[in-house]
């Protein structure tokens, strides 16, 4: 994931977090709060679930944020 902020210094630093996630998805996906890289903690299994939905938030150093849905 990528979010940008035109501010410099602390106010331009963006951190990422998962805000809403199902119990099953929380055991599968990891979001790096500094880089926005999303990785799998284990292999996906179609028999367990055929899709996953997460709400991810990007927040700058000034407290402003936006969110998006990752499916």
C-alpha atoms as a PDB file:
ATOM      1  CA  UNK A   1       0.000   0.000   0.000  1.00  0.00           C
ATOM      2  CA  UNK A   2       1.150   3.536  -0.648  1.00  0.00           C
ATOM      3  CA  UNK A   3      -0.009   6.847   0.747  1.00  0.00           C
ATOM      4  CA  UNK A   4       1.794  10.147   0.298  1.00  0.00           C
ATOM      5  CA  UNK A   5       1.789  13.417   2.194  1.00  0.00           C
ATOM      6  CA  UNK A   6       3.320  16.613   0.780  1.00  0.00           C
ATOM      7  CA  UNK A   7       4.309  17.900   4.245  1.00  0.00           C
ATOM      8  CA  UNK A   8       7.920  17.642   5.326  1.00  0.00           C
ATOM      9  CA  UNK A   9       9.335  16.160   8.510  1.00  0.00           C
ATOM     10  CA  UNK A  10       7.089  14.607  11.144  1.00  0.00           C
ATOM     11  CA  UNK A  11       3.876  15.843   9.538  1.00  0.00           C
ATOM     12  CA  UNK A  12       4.722  14.102   6.268  1.00  0.00           C
ATOM     13  CA  UNK A  13       5.568  10.733   7.824  1.00  0.00           C
ATOM     14  CA  UNK A  14       2.801   8.203   7.059  1.00  0.00           C
ATOM     15  CA  UNK A  15       2.058   5.133   9.176  1.00  0.00           C
ATOM     16  CA  UNK A  16      -0.285   2.319   8.207  1.00  0.00           C
ATOM     17  CA  UNK A  17      -2.650   0.207  10.269  1.00  0.00           C
ATOM     18  CA  UNK A  18      -5.431  -2.313   9.793  1.00  0.00           C
ATOM     19  CA  UNK A  19      -8.654  -0.989  11.293  1.00  0.00           C
ATOM     20  CA  UNK A  20     -11.228  -3.651  10.486  1.00  0.00           C
ATOM     21  CA  UNK A  21     -10.449  -7.258   9.748  1.00  0.00           C
ATOM     22  CA  UNK A  22     -12.162 -10.582  10.246  1.00  0.00           C
ATOM     23  CA  UNK A  23     -10.680 -12.973  12.806  1.00  0.00           C
ATOM     24  CA  UNK A  24      -9.609 -15.323  10.037  1.00  0.00           C
ATOM     25  CA  UNK A  25      -7.892 -12.586   8.008  1.00  0.00           C
ATOM     26  CA  UNK A  26      -5.975 -11.309  11.046  1.00  0.00           C
ATOM     27  CA  UNK A  27      -4.215 -14.689  11.205  1.00  0.00           C
ATOM     28  CA  UNK A  28      -3.295 -14.508   7.514  1.00  0.00           C
ATOM     29  CA  UNK A  29      -2.250 -10.935   6.683  1.00  0.00           C
ATOM     30  CA  UNK A  30       0.414  -8.675   8.181  1.00  0.00           C
ATOM     31  CA  UNK A  31       0.736  -4.950   7.423  1.00  0.00           C
ATOM     32  CA  UNK A  32       4.066  -3.235   8.075  1.00  0.00           C
ATOM     33  CA  UNK A  33       3.153   0.042   9.786  1.00  0.00           C
ATOM     34  CA  UNK A  34       6.179   1.897   8.376  1.00  0.00           C
ATOM     35  CA  UNK A  35       6.358   0.699   4.757  1.00  0.00           C
ATOM     36  CA  UNK A  36       2.751  -0.282   3.996  1.00  0.00           C
ATOM     37  CA  UNK A  37       3.943  -3.701   2.791  1.00  0.00           C
ATOM     38  CA  UNK A  38       1.264  -6.346   3.188  1.00  0.00           C
ATOM     39  CA  UNK A  39       2.469  -9.930   3.479  1.00  0.00           C
ATOM     40  CA  UNK A  40       0.987 -13.345   4.121  1.00  0.00           C
ATOM     41  CA  UNK A  41       1.673 -14.991   7.456  1.00  0.00           C
ATOM     42  CA  UNK A  42       0.678 -18.341   5.977  1.00  0.00           C
ATOM     43  CA  UNK A  43      -0.564 -19.777   2.701  1.00  0.00           C
ATOM     44  CA  UNK A  44      -4.070 -19.017   1.513  1.00  0.00           C
ATOM     45  CA  UNK A  45      -6.508 -21.914   1.557  1.00  0.00           C
ATOM     46  CA  UNK A  46      -9.517 -21.620  -0.755  1.00  0.00           C
ATOM     47  CA  UNK A  47     -11.456 -24.068   1.421  1.00  0.00           C
ATOM     48  CA  UNK A  48     -11.153 -21.684   4.414  1.00  0.00           C
ATOM     49  CA  UNK A  49     -12.193 -18.588   2.502  1.00  0.00           C
ATOM     50  CA  UNK A  50     -12.451 -17.469  -1.097  1.00  0.00           C
ATOM     51  CA  UNK A  51     -12.056 -13.746  -0.349  1.00  0.00           C
ATOM     52  CA  UNK A  52     -10.907 -11.438   2.432  1.00  0.00           C
ATOM     53  CA  UNK A  53     -11.730  -7.829   3.229  1.00  0.00           C
ATOM     54  CA  UNK A  54      -9.663  -5.463   5.355  1.00  0.00           C
ATOM     55  CA  UNK A  55      -9.997  -1.757   6.114  1.00  0.00           C
ATOM     56  CA  UNK A  56      -6.592  -0.071   6.140  1.00  0.00           C
ATOM     57  CA  UNK A  57      -5.771   3.403   7.454  1.00  0.00           C
ATOM     58  CA  UNK A  58      -2.878   5.722   6.570  1.00  0.00           C
ATOM     59  CA  UNK A  59      -2.189   8.452   9.165  1.00  0.00           C
ATOM     60  CA  UNK A  60       0.309  11.292   8.953  1.00  0.00           C
ATOM     61  CA  UNK A  61       2.293  12.807  11.815  1.00  0.00           C
ATOM     62  CA  UNK A  62      -0.248  15.609  12.172  1.00  0.00           C
ATOM     63  CA  UNK A  63      -3.099  13.222  12.915  1.00  0.00           C
ATOM     64  CA  UNK A  64      -4.811  13.429   9.518  1.00  0.00           C
ATOM     65  CA  UNK A  65      -5.829  10.105   8.012  1.00  0.00           C
ATOM     66  CA  UNK A  66      -7.617   8.369   5.207  1.00  0.00           C
ATOM     67  CA  UNK A  67      -8.758   4.797   4.862  1.00  0.00           C
ATOM     68  CA  UNK A  68      -9.438   2.317   2.107  1.00  0.00           C
ATOM     69  CA  UNK A  69     -10.790  -1.159   1.677  1.00  0.00           C
ATOM     70  CA  UNK A  70      -8.503  -3.967   0.527  1.00  0.00           C
ATOM     71  CA  UNK A  71     -10.306  -6.985  -0.937  1.00  0.00           C
END
